[in-house]
Structure formats: structure tokens, C-alpha cells
Amino acid sequence: MKYNIVLKFEVEGIVDKPDVIGAVFGQTENLFGEDFDLRELQDKGRLGRISVEINTTKGRSEGTIIIPSNLDRIETALIAAMVENVDKVGPYNAKFQLVEIQDIREEKIKRIIDRAKEILSNWSKVRTLDIREVIYEISSAVKTGEIIEYGPEKLPAGPDVEKDPELIIVEGRADVINLLKYGYRNTIAIEGATGKIPQSVIDLAKQKKTVIAFLDGDHGGDLILKQLMMSNIKLDYVARAPAGKEVEELTGKEIAKALSNMMTVSQYLKKQQEAQQAIRDAIAPETKQVSVTNVSIKEEQIQKSGQQQITINIPPNVVEEIKKLPGTLEGILYDENWNIIEKIQVRDIVQKLENTNDNRVKYIVFDGVITQRLVDLASSKNISMLIGARIGGISKRPKNLELLSISDVIS
């Protein structure tokens, strides 16, 4: 393990350790999809055994919870924020607050630095060096040294490019180095706009659950994306650097923002088409007639078989409700006539469907990730449509269930 997430908690009632652990697992489930399910992460060895110390006084419980993490810094911070969101333990109100994230490797790093100083001291007869310069050179060398050469083309790649279920495709070696600097170890570079995507990248993408193209915010990035689209590569999402910037020069915050704003291929193409149409409309305005009784949704899927169009009518009042959902972590259950049955927290949707025999529910709209587990459950309950903040890695799509993102509806 690399980190320990340390949180303190207070509960307005008497509870035991299993109650605290159960609340953490239950209230974080489905917030960010299967990839961030705590049980799944424990099964894969990405999180360690959760330990709880608890004291009870005057009818209240308080204590400390420690979660060992083998994730990278960004993912570890996300887990910490998810646990801080827990607000109940059993029937009692609760408050969780992060104390610190301990770097388990810190002592090891201190020993290495002390040894480096000793080496420099003994080396003084040969050359006198500025310690800050040496530390910088050592740090840069470590990052560069983590790069591997992948495939017969010897493509620059991060050390986790084969074992990580997610793959980030970038343009060049400098992009890989910059992403490594901020903890992204699952990258591979196609080495420029050469007119052909390396076969090693195409083969590697077929093995991955999620494939992201992360490209510069300039015309060169447009060309790379065009090459990817024209090849036979499996591509799920597109992320772009800010306009005029390159991936190799982005800060950690800019990288995280670009990846959080990534779009599915169909969403990205739709946005590009709308932008081009807006330009044409500005040059040659024309009269348009817009329906006010429904919303028509067009979902384009890039497949060898061609394009598919799905048209669904959603009442305007429902669209207005959907626009209010982002950022609320809430969901709405509708009947076949788009009448509201119930408003519900995202974390309770799966449990609600598992425990209910109410066959009135036909549409579910929620501020969360559509996961395979939810898809399978909704299909078994004869639900017609799921609309979520994002569609996760879905390997099996039932024919009786439509999947849409919120952006598909309100964009």
C-alpha cells in the first residue's frame, strides 16, 4: 500500500465497528461507478482492510477510520472525499472528516534523500554540486525512467499500460512524461500524426475496458483524432487540452479538469457538428421551427455497421427537472406517462429496485454513473430507459432498455 486515508467520525447514537464499515460501503456504492466500488477495489487489492477505532460516551459514538490505499494520488483523494460524504450510520446522523492522507512511502523517501546527501558529501573531491540541482535531476530522472517501450514499434508508454483496465492514448513521448509526473501511469503515445495508428495501440485498446484519447487543443490534435476515428481502434472517450495548449505543458489541475470533462465519441462528434452548424447559421441565418411538446434525441454510434438513430419523446417539464439534477446526487423515478413516482438519493437506487415489486417505474433519471449492475437490474424490472450523468463501461446492453446521458437530453 502507498497511502493511509485517516478520517475521524462522530455519530449521534451508539453504534459498533460493523455499523460504521457498513455505512461507508453502502453510502459510497454507485457514486462513481463500478471502478470506484470499495468492495471491488478491495477484491482487486487496490484498497486494504478498513480499520475502525471507536469510543462511546454519553449516548454518542466517535472514533477514527483508516483505509489503506494502493491507488494513485488522484484516486486516493477521490476515495477520501467519497467517505467524507457519508452522513448516516445506522439510523443516526453522522459526520466524517478527513484528518490526513499519510504517505507510507515517506520514510523510505527520507532514507533515500539522506543517502543521496551522503553520496554527494563523499563525492565532493570530484565535483561540487548544488543540492537543489541534484534533487531536481534525480526527480526528473525517476519520472523519465518509469517510461517503457511498448510493442515492436517501441512506443513510449507508462509502466501500467498493460495491467490497468483503462488506457489513455496521447500523441508523443513528452505527453507520457507529463502525465507520469502527475500519477497517470496507463498512457501510450502513438508518436505523432504519421497517417497510421500503430498496430500495437489498436491491439492494446481491444483488451481495455475503457479507452480515452487525450489530445492537444490545436489542429494537430484534430488530425490525430481523425486518424483514430478512421482506424479500427476501440475508442470510448475523447478528452482535449484547453484551446491552444498541448498535453505536455498542462498542470496537474488542468489534466484532471480535461479528463473530468471528457465526452463519449458520439457526444464529442455531436458537439462538433453543433459548433459547425452554429458557424453556418451565423453566416447564413435561416428560419427554424422548434417543437415545444417534446425533445428529440439523436444518438450516433460509430460502428462498422454505420449509423443508428433513436428518437424518444420527453415532455418539456421533465427536461426542466433533468436540467436541475447535475451536482445533486439525486434521482427521479417516473411512470410510463412521465409522472413522478418518487425522488431518491443516487446511492439508494439499486437497493430500491432490488426490494420493490412496483412495476410502475418505467424511466429513471439520476445524477450518477450508469453501471452494468444497474443496467442488468433495470432490464429485469422491465424499465424502459435510464438517463444518467455518465454511461460507464457497459459490456452488455439489453434490447428492451435505452441508455442516455444527461448531456444527450439537455445539450
Protein backbone atom coordinates (compact mmCIF):
# COMPACT_ATOMS: atom_id res chain seq x y z
CA MET A 1 0.00 0.00 0.00
CA LYS A 2 1.09 3.56 -0.74
CA TYR A 3 -1.25 5.68 1.40
CA ASN A 4 -3.39 5.60 4.54
CA ILE A 5 -6.62 7.64 4.43
CA VAL A 6 -7.30 8.73 8.04
CA LEU A 7 -10.72 10.13 8.93
CA LYS A 8 -12.44 10.95 12.21
CA PHE A 9 -16.18 10.47 12.69
CA GLU A 10 -18.96 11.39 15.10
CA VAL A 11 -22.30 9.57 15.34
CA GLU A 12 -25.36 10.81 17.22
CA GLY A 13 -26.02 7.40 18.73
CA ILE A 14 -24.39 4.19 19.95
CA VAL A 15 -23.01 2.08 17.09
CA ASP A 16 -20.40 -0.67 16.60
CA LYS A 17 -17.49 -1.07 14.16
CA PRO A 18 -19.53 -3.17 11.65
CA ASP A 19 -22.16 -0.40 11.56
CA VAL A 20 -19.51 2.18 10.59
CA ILE A 21 -17.92 -0.03 7.93
CA GLY A 22 -21.34 -0.96 6.53
CA ALA A 23 -22.29 2.71 6.25
CA VAL A 24 -19.08 3.51 4.37
CA PHE A 25 -19.62 0.67 1.89
CA GLY A 26 -23.34 1.29 1.46
CA GLN A 27 -23.31 5.06 1.01
CA THR A 28 -20.39 5.15 -1.43
CA GLU A 29 -21.78 2.43 -3.69
CA ASN A 30 -22.64 3.54 -7.25
CA LEU A 31 -21.47 7.14 -6.73
CA PHE A 32 -18.75 6.87 -9.38
CA GLY A 33 -19.47 3.51 -10.97
CA GLU A 34 -18.06 0.03 -10.52
CA ASP A 35 -14.46 1.23 -10.92
CA PHE A 36 -14.74 3.03 -7.56
CA ASP A 37 -16.82 0.46 -5.67
CA LEU A 38 -14.93 -0.10 -2.39
CA ARG A 39 -15.64 -3.84 -2.30
CA GLU A 40 -14.39 -4.26 -5.88
CA LEU A 41 -11.26 -2.26 -5.07
CA GLN A 42 -10.59 -4.43 -2.01
CA ASP A 43 -11.07 -7.61 -4.05
CA LYS A 44 -8.52 -6.33 -6.58
CA GLY A 45 -6.02 -5.42 -3.86
CA ARG A 46 -6.29 -1.68 -4.62
CA LEU A 47 -7.64 -0.96 -1.11
CA GLY A 48 -6.61 -2.72 2.10
CA ARG A 49 -8.63 -3.85 5.10
CA ILE A 50 -10.52 -0.95 6.70
CA SER A 51 -9.80 -0.50 10.42
CA VAL A 52 -12.03 1.34 12.87
CA GLU A 53 -11.32 2.59 16.40
CA ILE A 54 -14.48 3.65 18.25
CA ASN A 55 -15.37 5.13 21.65
CA THR A 56 -18.87 5.56 23.11
CA THR A 57 -19.73 8.22 25.69
CA LYS A 58 -23.00 9.87 26.73
CA GLY A 59 -25.04 8.17 24.03
CA ARG A 60 -22.70 9.23 21.21
CA SER A 61 -20.01 7.39 19.28
CA GLU A 62 -16.81 8.83 17.88
CA GLY A 63 -13.59 7.44 16.56
CA THR A 64 -11.14 7.03 13.71
CA ILE A 65 -11.28 5.05 10.46
CA ILE A 66 -8.20 4.15 8.41
CA ILE A 67 -8.39 3.00 4.78
CA PRO A 68 -5.13 1.71 3.22
CA SER A 69 -4.87 2.64 -0.48
CA ASN A 70 -2.73 1.38 -3.33
CA LEU A 71 -4.38 3.78 -5.81
CA ASP A 72 -2.68 6.87 -7.24
CA ARG A 73 -2.96 10.27 -5.55
CA ILE A 74 -5.98 11.49 -7.50
CA GLU A 75 -7.94 8.26 -6.99
CA THR A 76 -6.99 8.16 -3.29
CA ALA A 77 -8.22 11.73 -2.83
CA LEU A 78 -11.49 10.79 -4.53
CA ILE A 79 -12.00 7.84 -2.14
CA ALA A 80 -11.37 10.19 0.82
CA ALA A 81 -13.95 12.67 -0.49
CA MET A 82 -16.49 9.86 -1.05
CA VAL A 83 -16.16 8.66 2.57
CA GLU A 84 -16.46 12.22 3.86
CA ASN A 85 -19.87 12.28 2.11
CA VAL A 86 -21.27 9.58 4.46
CA ASP A 87 -23.89 11.23 6.64
CA LYS A 88 -25.59 8.35 8.46
CA VAL A 89 -24.52 5.30 10.44
CA GLY A 90 -27.50 3.06 11.02
CA PRO A 91 -30.46 5.32 11.90
CA TYR A 92 -28.22 8.04 13.36
CA ASN A 93 -26.87 11.21 11.79
CA ALA A 94 -23.10 11.14 11.38
CA LYS A 95 -20.21 13.35 10.28
CA PHE A 96 -16.99 12.10 8.68
CA GLN A 97 -13.99 14.41 8.29
CA LEU A 98 -10.61 13.77 6.69
CA VAL A 99 -7.68 14.14 9.13
CA GLU A 100 -4.82 13.36 6.74
CA ILE A 101 -3.61 11.15 3.92
CA GLN A 102 -0.40 9.52 5.10
CA ASP A 103 2.26 8.70 2.51
CA ILE A 104 3.53 5.29 3.67
CA ARG A 105 6.50 5.69 1.37
CA GLU A 106 7.58 8.93 3.05
CA GLU A 107 10.07 7.29 5.43
CA LYS A 108 11.57 5.35 2.56
CA ILE A 109 11.94 8.57 0.56
CA LYS A 110 13.62 10.29 3.55
CA ARG A 111 16.17 7.47 3.80
CA ILE A 112 16.92 7.77 0.08
CA ILE A 113 17.41 11.54 0.36
CA ASP A 114 19.73 11.13 3.36
CA ARG A 115 21.73 8.53 1.46
CA ALA A 116 21.88 10.85 -1.59
CA LYS A 117 23.29 13.62 0.64
CA GLU A 118 25.90 11.21 1.99
CA ILE A 119 26.91 10.20 -1.54
CA LEU A 120 27.26 13.86 -2.54
CA SER A 121 29.37 14.60 0.53
CA ASN A 122 31.79 11.80 -0.37
CA TRP A 123 31.78 12.96 -3.98
CA SER A 124 32.93 16.48 -3.19
CA LYS A 125 36.53 15.77 -4.19
CA VAL A 126 35.40 15.11 -7.75
CA ARG A 127 32.74 17.78 -8.21
CA THR A 128 30.86 20.30 -6.09
CA LEU A 129 27.13 20.31 -6.86
CA ASP A 130 24.16 22.34 -5.75
CA ILE A 131 21.90 20.00 -3.74
CA ARG A 132 18.75 21.55 -5.23
CA GLU A 133 20.02 20.86 -8.72
CA VAL A 134 20.78 17.25 -7.82
CA ILE A 135 17.37 16.63 -6.26
CA TYR A 136 15.70 18.11 -9.34
CA GLU A 137 17.79 15.94 -11.65
CA ILE A 138 17.06 12.83 -9.55
CA SER A 139 13.31 13.60 -9.56
CA SER A 140 13.27 14.17 -13.33
CA ALA A 141 15.27 11.01 -13.94
CA VAL A 142 12.85 8.94 -11.86
CA LYS A 143 9.88 10.12 -13.91
CA THR A 144 11.67 9.60 -17.21
CA GLY A 145 12.98 6.25 -16.02
CA GLU A 146 9.45 4.98 -15.50
CA ILE A 147 8.71 5.13 -19.22
CA ILE A 148 8.73 1.79 -21.00
CA GLU A 149 8.93 0.91 -24.70
CA TYR A 150 5.81 -0.94 -25.81
CA GLY A 151 5.42 -3.27 -28.78
CA PRO A 152 7.65 -3.80 -31.80
CA GLU A 153 7.29 -0.09 -32.61
CA LYS A 154 8.89 0.70 -29.19
CA LEU A 155 6.18 3.25 -28.36
CA PRO A 156 6.64 5.43 -25.24
CA ALA A 157 4.25 4.25 -22.52
CA GLY A 158 3.61 4.31 -18.79
CA PRO A 159 4.57 1.28 -16.67
CA ASP A 160 0.92 0.27 -16.01
CA VAL A 161 -0.19 0.43 -19.65
CA GLU A 162 -0.79 -3.34 -19.82
CA LYS A 163 -2.30 -4.08 -16.40
CA ASP A 164 -4.57 -1.05 -15.94
CA PRO A 165 -8.15 -1.61 -17.23
CA GLU A 166 -8.19 1.97 -18.57
CA LEU A 167 -5.96 3.22 -21.40
CA ILE A 168 -5.08 6.85 -22.21
CA ILE A 169 -3.81 7.45 -25.76
CA VAL A 170 -1.65 10.58 -26.29
CA GLU A 171 0.41 11.93 -29.14
CA GLY A 172 4.06 11.85 -28.07
CA ARG A 173 6.72 10.95 -25.52
CA ALA A 174 6.60 14.37 -23.80
CA ASP A 175 2.87 13.85 -23.15
CA VAL A 176 3.57 10.50 -21.45
CA ILE A 177 6.28 12.07 -19.27
CA ASN A 178 4.00 14.92 -18.16
CA LEU A 179 1.16 12.54 -17.28
CA LEU A 180 3.60 10.33 -15.34
CA LYS A 181 4.60 13.40 -13.36
CA TYR A 182 1.04 13.64 -12.03
CA GLY A 183 0.49 9.94 -11.41
CA TYR A 184 -1.08 8.78 -14.69
CA ARG A 185 0.79 5.53 -15.45
CA ASN A 186 -1.59 3.99 -18.01
CA THR A 187 -0.66 6.08 -21.07
CA ILE A 188 0.73 5.24 -24.51
CA ALA A 189 1.89 7.56 -27.30
CA ILE A 190 1.21 6.97 -30.99
CA GLU A 191 4.20 9.21 -31.83
CA GLY A 192 2.72 11.95 -33.99
CA ALA A 193 0.39 12.38 -36.95
CA THR A 194 2.11 9.86 -39.22
CA GLY A 195 -1.02 8.85 -41.12
CA LYS A 196 -1.30 5.43 -39.49
CA ILE A 197 -2.12 4.29 -35.95
CA PRO A 198 0.43 1.70 -34.70
CA GLN A 199 -0.97 -1.82 -34.64
CA SER A 200 0.29 -2.28 -31.06
CA VAL A 201 -2.05 0.51 -29.91
CA ILE A 202 -5.01 -0.99 -31.78
CA ASP A 203 -4.39 -4.43 -30.24
CA LEU A 204 -3.87 -2.99 -26.74
CA ALA A 205 -7.12 -0.99 -26.91
CA LYS A 206 -9.10 -4.17 -27.63
CA GLN A 207 -8.04 -5.52 -24.23
CA LYS A 208 -9.18 -2.49 -22.23
CA LYS A 209 -12.47 -1.74 -20.51
CA THR A 210 -12.17 1.98 -21.26
CA VAL A 211 -10.07 3.77 -23.90
CA ILE A 212 -9.56 7.56 -23.80
CA ALA A 213 -7.97 9.74 -26.48
CA PHE A 214 -6.32 12.69 -24.68
CA LEU A 215 -5.16 15.16 -27.34
CA ASP A 216 -3.74 18.65 -27.77
CA GLY A 217 -6.13 21.58 -28.09
CA ASP A 218 -4.96 22.55 -31.56
CA HIS A 219 -5.28 21.48 -35.19
CA GLY A 220 -2.68 18.74 -34.65
CA GLY A 221 -4.99 17.20 -32.05
CA ASP A 222 -7.82 17.32 -34.59
CA LEU A 223 -5.68 15.39 -37.07
CA ILE A 224 -4.76 12.73 -34.50
CA LEU A 225 -8.41 12.27 -33.57
CA LYS A 226 -9.32 11.93 -37.25
CA GLN A 227 -6.69 9.20 -37.62
CA LEU A 228 -8.06 7.37 -34.59
CA MET A 229 -11.62 7.59 -35.90
CA MET A 230 -10.60 6.27 -39.32
CA SER A 231 -8.68 3.31 -37.87
CA ASN A 232 -10.21 0.17 -36.38
CA ILE A 233 -9.28 1.20 -32.85
CA LYS A 234 -11.71 0.81 -29.93
CA LEU A 235 -12.31 4.33 -28.60
CA ASP A 236 -14.76 5.21 -25.78
CA TYR A 237 -13.99 8.81 -24.77
CA VAL A 238 -12.31 11.96 -26.09
CA ALA A 239 -10.53 14.48 -23.82
CA ARG A 240 -8.87 17.64 -25.13
CA ALA A 241 -6.34 20.08 -23.68
CA PRO A 242 -7.59 23.69 -23.45
CA ALA A 243 -7.62 25.52 -26.79
CA GLY A 244 -4.11 26.34 -27.96
CA LYS A 245 -2.41 24.21 -25.29
CA GLU A 246 -0.58 20.89 -25.55
CA VAL A 247 -0.92 17.93 -23.18
CA GLU A 248 2.81 18.04 -22.40
CA GLU A 249 2.54 21.54 -20.87
CA LEU A 250 -0.59 21.06 -18.73
CA THR A 251 -0.53 21.32 -14.94
CA GLY A 252 -1.99 18.60 -12.73
CA LYS A 253 -5.20 20.58 -12.24
CA GLU A 254 -5.57 21.17 -15.98
CA ILE A 255 -5.07 17.45 -16.69
CA ALA A 256 -7.65 16.45 -14.09
CA LYS A 257 -10.15 19.01 -15.45
CA ALA A 258 -9.66 17.89 -19.05
CA LEU A 259 -10.21 14.24 -18.14
CA SER A 260 -13.25 15.03 -15.97
CA ASN A 261 -14.78 16.87 -18.97
CA MET A 262 -14.16 14.02 -21.41
CA MET A 263 -17.05 13.01 -23.67
CA THR A 264 -18.15 9.84 -25.36
CA VAL A 265 -17.26 9.70 -29.03
CA SER A 266 -20.88 10.28 -30.03
CA GLN A 267 -21.20 13.26 -27.65
CA TYR A 268 -17.98 14.79 -28.95
CA LEU A 269 -19.00 14.44 -32.60
CA LYS A 270 -22.42 15.87 -31.81
CA LYS A 271 -20.82 18.89 -30.12
CA GLN A 272 -18.51 19.42 -33.11
CA GLN A 273 -21.45 19.22 -35.51
CA GLU A 274 -23.42 21.73 -33.44
CA ALA A 275 -20.44 24.12 -33.39
CA GLN A 276 -20.09 23.84 -37.17
CA GLN A 277 -23.83 24.37 -37.60
CA ALA A 278 -23.68 27.46 -35.38
CA ILE A 279 -20.97 28.91 -37.62
CA ARG A 280 -23.06 28.18 -40.74
CA ASP A 281 -26.13 29.72 -39.10
CA ALA A 282 -24.15 32.85 -38.24
CA ILE A 283 -23.01 33.19 -41.84
CA ALA A 284 -26.38 32.36 -43.41
CA PRO A 285 -29.20 32.61 -40.85
CA GLU A 286 -32.35 30.71 -41.64
CA THR A 287 -35.77 30.32 -40.03
CA LYS A 288 -36.15 27.22 -37.87
CA GLN A 289 -39.22 25.65 -36.24
CA VAL A 290 -38.64 24.04 -32.83
CA SER A 291 -41.14 21.67 -31.20
CA VAL A 292 -42.19 22.67 -27.69
CA THR A 293 -44.03 19.46 -26.87
CA ASN A 294 -41.12 17.06 -26.83
CA VAL A 295 -37.38 16.62 -27.14
CA SER A 296 -35.96 14.56 -30.00
CA ILE A 297 -32.70 12.80 -29.11
CA LYS A 298 -30.29 11.57 -31.76
CA GLU A 299 -27.53 9.20 -30.69
CA GLU A 300 -24.86 8.41 -33.29
CA GLN A 301 -22.72 5.37 -32.73
CA ILE A 302 -19.54 4.96 -34.74
CA GLN A 303 -19.63 1.33 -35.81
CA LYS A 304 -18.66 -0.63 -38.86
CA SER A 305 -22.36 -1.22 -39.49
CA GLY A 306 -22.97 2.51 -40.00
CA GLN A 307 -25.18 4.98 -38.08
CA GLN A 308 -28.22 4.34 -35.94
CA GLN A 309 -30.84 6.95 -34.95
CA ILE A 310 -33.10 6.74 -31.86
CA THR A 311 -35.97 9.20 -31.36
CA ILE A 312 -37.59 9.49 -27.93
CA ASN A 313 -40.19 11.98 -26.76
CA ILE A 314 -39.55 13.59 -23.38
CA PRO A 315 -42.02 16.23 -22.07
CA PRO A 316 -40.57 19.75 -21.60
CA ASN A 317 -41.38 19.76 -17.86
CA VAL A 318 -39.33 16.57 -17.45
CA VAL A 319 -36.42 18.14 -19.34
CA GLU A 320 -36.52 21.07 -16.91
CA GLU A 321 -36.32 18.62 -13.97
CA ILE A 322 -33.37 16.87 -15.62
CA LYS A 323 -31.51 20.19 -16.01
CA LYS A 324 -31.65 20.65 -12.21
CA LEU A 325 -30.08 17.26 -11.40
CA PRO A 326 -26.31 17.72 -12.07
CA GLY A 327 -24.46 18.14 -8.77
CA THR A 328 -27.36 16.96 -6.56
CA LEU A 329 -26.57 13.19 -6.39
CA GLU A 330 -30.32 12.65 -6.66
CA GLY A 331 -32.56 10.63 -8.96
CA ILE A 332 -36.21 10.62 -10.09
CA LEU A 333 -38.40 7.58 -10.81
CA TYR A 334 -41.11 8.10 -13.48
CA ASP A 335 -44.05 6.03 -14.68
CA GLU A 336 -44.84 5.34 -18.36
CA ASN A 337 -46.56 8.75 -18.70
CA TRP A 338 -43.56 10.63 -17.21
CA ASN A 339 -45.36 11.25 -13.93
CA ILE A 340 -43.03 11.40 -10.91
CA ILE A 341 -43.32 8.34 -8.66
CA GLU A 342 -40.51 9.18 -6.25
CA LYS A 343 -37.38 11.30 -5.80
CA ILE A 344 -34.46 9.34 -4.33
CA GLN A 345 -30.77 9.56 -3.46
CA VAL A 346 -28.48 8.01 -6.10
CA ARG A 347 -26.90 5.68 -3.55
CA ASP A 348 -30.37 4.18 -2.77
CA ILE A 349 -31.48 3.43 -6.36
CA VAL A 350 -30.05 -0.10 -6.61
CA GLN A 351 -31.43 -1.12 -3.21
CA LYS A 352 -34.81 0.41 -4.09
CA LEU A 353 -35.07 -1.63 -7.30
CA GLU A 354 -33.90 -4.82 -5.59
CA ASN A 355 -36.50 -4.56 -2.83
CA THR A 356 -39.53 -3.27 -4.74
CA ASN A 357 -42.21 -5.03 -6.76
CA ASP A 358 -43.64 -1.74 -8.02
CA ASN A 359 -43.93 -2.27 -11.80
CA ARG A 360 -44.99 1.34 -12.42
CA VAL A 361 -41.38 2.52 -12.78
CA LYS A 362 -40.52 2.91 -16.49
CA TYR A 363 -37.93 5.71 -16.59
CA ILE A 364 -35.12 6.58 -14.16
CA VAL A 365 -33.15 9.83 -14.37
CA PHE A 366 -30.26 10.33 -11.91
CA ASP A 367 -27.06 12.26 -11.21
CA GLY A 368 -24.74 9.24 -11.27
CA VAL A 369 -22.95 6.71 -13.46
CA ILE A 370 -24.94 4.08 -15.36
CA THR A 371 -23.18 0.82 -14.41
CA GLN A 372 -23.56 -2.73 -15.72
CA ARG A 373 -25.11 -3.78 -12.40
CA LEU A 374 -27.82 -1.11 -12.67
CA VAL A 375 -28.43 -1.93 -16.34
CA ASP A 376 -28.97 -5.63 -15.58
CA LEU A 377 -31.26 -4.84 -12.65
CA ALA A 378 -33.32 -2.27 -14.60
CA SER A 379 -33.73 -4.69 -17.50
CA SER A 380 -35.03 -7.40 -15.16
CA LYS A 381 -37.60 -4.91 -13.79
CA ASN A 382 -38.86 -4.04 -17.32
CA ILE A 383 -37.67 -0.43 -17.07
CA SER A 384 -37.59 1.27 -20.47
CA MET A 385 -34.90 3.93 -20.04
CA LEU A 386 -32.00 5.04 -17.83
CA ILE A 387 -30.68 8.61 -18.09
CA GLY A 388 -27.51 9.21 -16.04
CA ALA A 389 -24.74 11.77 -15.66
CA ARG A 390 -22.41 9.39 -17.50
CA ILE A 391 -22.56 5.93 -19.06
CA GLY A 392 -19.90 3.62 -17.62
CA GLY A 393 -18.22 0.67 -19.29
CA ILE A 394 -21.26 -1.35 -20.39
CA SER A 395 -20.34 -4.66 -21.99
CA LYS A 396 -23.93 -5.95 -22.41
CA ARG A 397 -26.82 -3.70 -23.47
CA PRO A 398 -30.33 -5.22 -23.24
CA LYS A 399 -32.57 -4.57 -26.25
CA ASN A 400 -35.50 -3.52 -24.04
CA LEU A 401 -33.56 -0.73 -22.26
CA GLU A 402 -32.39 2.62 -23.67
CA LEU A 403 -29.29 4.27 -22.11
CA LEU A 404 -28.71 8.03 -22.37
CA SER A 405 -26.56 10.61 -20.64
CA ILE A 406 -27.99 13.85 -19.24
CA SER A 407 -25.97 15.79 -21.81
CA ASP A 408 -27.75 13.84 -24.57
CA VAL A 409 -31.04 15.31 -23.31
CA ILE A 410 -30.16 18.89 -22.42
CA SER A 411 -27.33 19.71 -24.86
